[in-house]
Amino acid sequence: MENKNNVELRDKIRLGLSIAFKKLVAYKAKNDGVLVFSNQGKIVKVKAKDIKL
């Protein structure tokens, strides 16, 4: 029972993070923004318009 609740909570959190990221990318793309990521310890800047969701 508790494991089922954990799975449901984890799925809800992942869905929320996905929605938040899509909103962030859309907002940044609208305002010609740049997103900054880390790729194997190196800083990578990506234009939001270049991100395909």
PDB file of N, CA and C in Angstrom:
ATOM      1  N   MET A   1       0.821  -1.186   0.000  1.00  0.00           N
ATOM      2  CA  MET A   1       0.000   0.000   0.000  1.00  0.00           C
ATOM      3  C   MET A   1       0.872   1.260   0.000  1.00  0.00           C
ATOM      4  N   GLU A   2       1.844   1.289   0.892  1.00  0.00           N
ATOM      5  CA  GLU A   2       2.708   2.465   0.964  1.00  0.00           C
ATOM      6  C   GLU A   2       3.523   2.614  -0.318  1.00  0.00           C
ATOM      7  N   ASN A   3       3.968   1.510  -0.908  1.00  0.00           N
ATOM      8  CA  ASN A   3       4.734   1.553  -2.145  1.00  0.00           C
ATOM      9  C   ASN A   3       3.893   2.153  -3.265  1.00  0.00           C
ATOM     10  N   LYS A   4       2.610   1.804  -3.321  1.00  0.00           N
ATOM     11  CA  LYS A   4       1.720   2.349  -4.338  1.00  0.00           C
ATOM     12  C   LYS A   4       1.598   3.859  -4.181  1.00  0.00           C
ATOM     13  N   ASN A   5       1.491   4.332  -2.948  1.00  0.00           N
ATOM     14  CA  ASN A   5       1.405   5.769  -2.693  1.00  0.00           C
ATOM     15  C   ASN A   5       2.687   6.486  -3.114  1.00  0.00           C
ATOM     16  N   ASN A   6       3.822   5.848  -2.877  1.00  0.00           N
ATOM     17  CA  ASN A   6       5.102   6.433  -3.270  1.00  0.00           C
ATOM     18  C   ASN A   6       5.198   6.552  -4.784  1.00  0.00           C
ATOM     19  N   VAL A   7       4.739   5.531  -5.494  1.00  0.00           N
ATOM     20  CA  VAL A   7       4.779   5.541  -6.958  1.00  0.00           C
ATOM     21  C   VAL A   7       3.868   6.644  -7.494  1.00  0.00           C
ATOM     22  N   GLU A   8       2.685   6.764  -6.929  1.00  0.00           N
ATOM     23  CA  GLU A   8       1.751   7.803  -7.372  1.00  0.00           C
ATOM     24  C   GLU A   8       2.324   9.195  -7.107  1.00  0.00           C
ATOM     25  N   LEU A   9       2.906   9.395  -5.946  1.00  0.00           N
ATOM     26  CA  LEU A   9       3.506  10.677  -5.608  1.00  0.00           C
ATOM     27  C   LEU A   9       4.667  10.995  -6.546  1.00  0.00           C
ATOM     28  N   ARG A  10       5.506  10.012  -6.805  1.00  0.00           N
ATOM     29  CA  ARG A  10       6.641  10.209  -7.713  1.00  0.00           C
ATOM     30  C   ARG A  10       6.159  10.583  -9.111  1.00  0.00           C
ATOM     31  N   ASP A  11       5.106   9.927  -9.590  1.00  0.00           N
ATOM     32  CA  ASP A  11       4.560  10.235 -10.911  1.00  0.00           C
ATOM     33  C   ASP A  11       4.000  11.654 -10.962  1.00  0.00           C
ATOM     34  N   LYS A  12       3.340  12.083  -9.898  1.00  0.00           N
ATOM     35  CA  LYS A  12       2.792  13.433  -9.840  1.00  0.00           C
ATOM     36  C   LYS A  12       3.908  14.477  -9.822  1.00  0.00           C
ATOM     37  N   ILE A  13       4.964  14.187  -9.095  1.00  0.00           N
ATOM     38  CA  ILE A  13       6.099  15.116  -9.034  1.00  0.00           C
ATOM     39  C   ILE A  13       6.764  15.224 -10.398  1.00  0.00           C
ATOM     40  N   ARG A  14       6.964  14.088 -11.067  1.00  0.00           N
ATOM     41  CA  ARG A  14       7.575  14.113 -12.408  1.00  0.00           C
ATOM     42  C   ARG A  14       6.712  14.882 -13.394  1.00  0.00           C
ATOM     43  N   LEU A  15       5.406  14.685 -13.333  1.00  0.00           N
ATOM     44  CA  LEU A  15       4.498  15.407 -14.218  1.00  0.00           C
ATOM     45  C   LEU A  15       4.582  16.909 -13.948  1.00  0.00           C
ATOM     46  N   GLY A  16       4.599  17.292 -12.685  1.00  0.00           N
ATOM     47  CA  GLY A  16       4.714  18.701 -12.326  1.00  0.00           C
ATOM     48  C   GLY A  16       6.020  19.320 -12.807  1.00  0.00           C
ATOM     49  N   LEU A  17       7.114  18.591 -12.672  1.00  0.00           N
ATOM     50  CA  LEU A  17       8.406  19.090 -13.148  1.00  0.00           C
ATOM     51  C   LEU A  17       8.413  19.240 -14.664  1.00  0.00           C
ATOM     52  N   SER A  18       7.813  18.298 -15.345  1.00  0.00           N
ATOM     53  CA  SER A  18       7.735  18.355 -16.803  1.00  0.00           C
ATOM     54  C   SER A  18       6.942  19.581 -17.264  1.00  0.00           C
ATOM     55  N   ILE A  19       5.806  19.812 -16.632  1.00  0.00           N
ATOM     56  CA  ILE A  19       4.975  20.963 -16.976  1.00  0.00           C
ATOM     57  C   ILE A  19       5.719  22.264 -16.690  1.00  0.00           C
ATOM     58  N   ALA A  20       6.390  22.343 -15.548  1.00  0.00           N
ATOM     59  CA  ALA A  20       7.134  23.545 -15.177  1.00  0.00           C
ATOM     60  C   ALA A  20       8.261  23.818 -16.168  1.00  0.00           C
ATOM     61  N   PHE A  21       8.962  22.769 -16.611  1.00  0.00           N
ATOM     62  CA  PHE A  21      10.053  22.949 -17.563  1.00  0.00           C
ATOM     63  C   PHE A  21       9.517  23.437 -18.906  1.00  0.00           C
ATOM     64  N   LYS A  22       8.396  22.885 -19.355  1.00  0.00           N
ATOM     65  CA  LYS A  22       7.802  23.318 -20.617  1.00  0.00           C
ATOM     66  C   LYS A  22       7.387  24.785 -20.552  1.00  0.00           C
ATOM     67  N   LYS A  23       6.830  25.189 -19.420  1.00  0.00           N
ATOM     68  CA  LYS A  23       6.438  26.589 -19.246  1.00  0.00           C
ATOM     69  C   LYS A  23       7.662  27.496 -19.239  1.00  0.00           C
ATOM     70  N   LEU A  24       8.731  27.063 -18.578  1.00  0.00           N
ATOM     71  CA  LEU A  24       9.964  27.845 -18.531  1.00  0.00           C
ATOM     72  C   LEU A  24      10.542  28.033 -19.929  1.00  0.00           C
ATOM     73  N   VAL A  25      10.604  26.957 -20.701  1.00  0.00           N
ATOM     74  CA  VAL A  25      11.154  27.033 -22.055  1.00  0.00           C
ATOM     75  C   VAL A  25      10.293  27.942 -22.924  1.00  0.00           C
ATOM     76  N   ALA A  26       8.975  27.828 -22.807  1.00  0.00           N
ATOM     77  CA  ALA A  26       8.080  28.672 -23.596  1.00  0.00           C
ATOM     78  C   ALA A  26       8.273  30.150 -23.242  1.00  0.00           C
ATOM     79  N   TYR A  27       8.389  30.437 -21.958  1.00  0.00           N
ATOM     80  CA  TYR A  27       8.588  31.819 -21.516  1.00  0.00           C
ATOM     81  C   TYR A  27       9.918  32.375 -22.022  1.00  0.00           C
ATOM     82  N   LYS A  28      10.972  31.584 -21.877  1.00  0.00           N
ATOM     83  CA  LYS A  28      12.300  32.033 -22.312  1.00  0.00           C
ATOM     84  C   LYS A  28      12.351  32.196 -23.823  1.00  0.00           C
ATOM     85  N   ALA A  29      11.687  31.304 -24.569  1.00  0.00           N
ATOM     86  CA  ALA A  29      11.675  31.403 -26.026  1.00  0.00           C
ATOM     87  C   ALA A  29      10.952  32.673 -26.461  1.00  0.00           C
ATOM     88  N   LYS A  30       9.877  33.003 -25.775  1.00  0.00           N
ATOM     89  CA  LYS A  30       9.100  34.203 -26.090  1.00  0.00           C
ATOM     90  C   LYS A  30       9.935  35.463 -25.883  1.00  0.00           C
ATOM     91  N   ASN A  31      10.815  35.442 -24.888  1.00  0.00           N
ATOM     92  CA  ASN A  31      11.636  36.609 -24.550  1.00  0.00           C
ATOM     93  C   ASN A  31      13.085  36.493 -25.017  1.00  0.00           C
ATOM     94  N   ASP A  32      13.343  35.622 -25.996  1.00  0.00           N
ATOM     95  CA  ASP A  32      14.707  35.410 -26.525  1.00  0.00           C
ATOM     96  C   ASP A  32      15.700  35.087 -25.420  1.00  0.00           C
ATOM     97  N   GLY A  33      15.311  34.222 -24.509  1.00  0.00           N
ATOM     98  CA  GLY A  33      16.149  33.872 -23.376  1.00  0.00           C
ATOM     99  C   GLY A  33      17.076  32.701 -23.651  1.00  0.00           C
ATOM    100  N   VAL A  34      17.976  32.505 -22.711  1.00  0.00           N
ATOM    101  CA  VAL A  34      18.962  31.429 -22.777  1.00  0.00           C
ATOM    102  C   VAL A  34      18.837  30.594 -21.516  1.00  0.00           C
ATOM    103  N   LEU A  35      18.922  29.285 -21.677  1.00  0.00           N
ATOM    104  CA  LEU A  35      18.932  28.380 -20.535  1.00  0.00           C
ATOM    105  C   LEU A  35      20.342  27.839 -20.353  1.00  0.00           C
ATOM    106  N   VAL A  36      20.738  27.654 -19.121  1.00  0.00           N
ATOM    107  CA  VAL A  36      22.089  27.192 -18.807  1.00  0.00           C
ATOM    108  C   VAL A  36      21.998  25.810 -18.174  1.00  0.00           C
ATOM    109  N   PHE A  37      22.741  24.860 -18.736  1.00  0.00           N
ATOM    110  CA  PHE A  37      22.771  23.486 -18.251  1.00  0.00           C
ATOM    111  C   PHE A  37      24.206  23.091 -17.945  1.00  0.00           C
ATOM    112  N   SER A  38      24.345  21.992 -17.236  1.00  0.00           N
ATOM    113  CA  SER A  38      25.657  21.410 -16.986  1.00  0.00           C
ATOM    114  C   SER A  38      25.718  20.064 -17.698  1.00  0.00           C
ATOM    115  N   ASN A  39      26.740  19.877 -18.513  1.00  0.00           N
ATOM    116  CA  ASN A  39      26.926  18.622 -19.242  1.00  0.00           C
ATOM    117  C   ASN A  39      28.300  18.066 -18.887  1.00  0.00           C
ATOM    118  N   GLN A  40      28.307  17.064 -18.032  1.00  0.00           N
ATOM    119  CA  GLN A  40      29.537  16.425 -17.567  1.00  0.00           C
ATOM    120  C   GLN A  40      30.491  17.456 -16.967  1.00  0.00           C
ATOM    121  N   GLY A  41      29.945  18.352 -16.170  1.00  0.00           N
ATOM    122  CA  GLY A  41      30.746  19.339 -15.474  1.00  0.00           C
ATOM    123  C   GLY A  41      31.047  20.596 -16.265  1.00  0.00           C
ATOM    124  N   LYS A  42      30.654  20.646 -17.537  1.00  0.00           N
ATOM    125  CA  LYS A  42      30.888  21.828 -18.355  1.00  0.00           C
ATOM    126  C   LYS A  42      29.591  22.608 -18.478  1.00  0.00           C
ATOM    127  N   ILE A  43      29.693  23.923 -18.419  1.00  0.00           N
ATOM    128  CA  ILE A  43      28.526  24.787 -18.536  1.00  0.00           C
ATOM    129  C   ILE A  43      28.183  24.947 -20.005  1.00  0.00           C
ATOM    130  N   VAL A  44      26.901  24.716 -20.324  1.00  0.00           N
ATOM    131  CA  VAL A  44      26.420  24.804 -21.694  1.00  0.00           C
ATOM    132  C   VAL A  44      25.247  25.778 -21.722  1.00  0.00           C
ATOM    133  N   LYS A  45      25.322  26.767 -22.604  1.00  0.00           N
ATOM    134  CA  LYS A  45      24.225  27.721 -22.769  1.00  0.00           C
ATOM    135  C   LYS A  45      23.484  27.371 -24.048  1.00  0.00           C
ATOM    136  N   VAL A  46      22.139  27.303 -23.933  1.00  0.00           N
ATOM    137  CA  VAL A  46      21.302  26.924 -25.072  1.00  0.00           C
ATOM    138  C   VAL A  46      20.186  27.949 -25.214  1.00  0.00           C
ATOM    139  N   LYS A  47      19.994  28.436 -26.432  1.00  0.00           N
ATOM    140  CA  LYS A  47      18.884  29.350 -26.673  1.00  0.00           C
ATOM    141  C   LYS A  47      17.584  28.565 -26.526  1.00  0.00           C
ATOM    142  N   ALA A  48      16.618  29.145 -25.863  1.00  0.00           N
ATOM    143  CA  ALA A  48      15.344  28.457 -25.609  1.00  0.00           C
ATOM    144  C   ALA A  48      14.642  28.114 -26.915  1.00  0.00           C
ATOM    145  N   LYS A  49      14.826  28.920 -27.946  1.00  0.00           N
ATOM    146  CA  LYS A  49      14.187  28.646 -29.243  1.00  0.00           C
ATOM    147  C   LYS A  49      14.736  27.388 -29.886  1.00  0.00           C
ATOM    148  N   ASP A  50      15.945  26.962 -29.503  1.00  0.00           N
ATOM    149  CA  ASP A  50      16.569  25.776 -30.083  1.00  0.00           C
ATOM    150  C   ASP A  50      16.151  24.481 -29.397  1.00  0.00           C
ATOM    151  N   ILE A  51      15.438  24.585 -28.300  1.00  0.00           N
ATOM    152  CA  ILE A  51      15.027  23.392 -27.542  1.00  0.00           C
ATOM    153  C   ILE A  51      13.742  22.843 -28.129  1.00  0.00           C
ATOM    154  N   LYS A  52      13.765  21.582 -28.516  1.00  0.00           N
ATOM    155  CA  LYS A  52      12.584  20.896 -29.052  1.00  0.00           C
ATOM    156  C   LYS A  52      11.957  20.061 -27.938  1.00  0.00           C
ATOM    157  N   LEU A  53      10.704  20.309 -27.661  1.00  0.00           N
ATOM    158  CA  LEU A  53      10.012  19.562 -26.607  1.00  0.00           C
ATOM    159  C   LEU A  53       9.165  18.458 -27.199  1.00  0.00           C
TER     160      LEU A  53
END
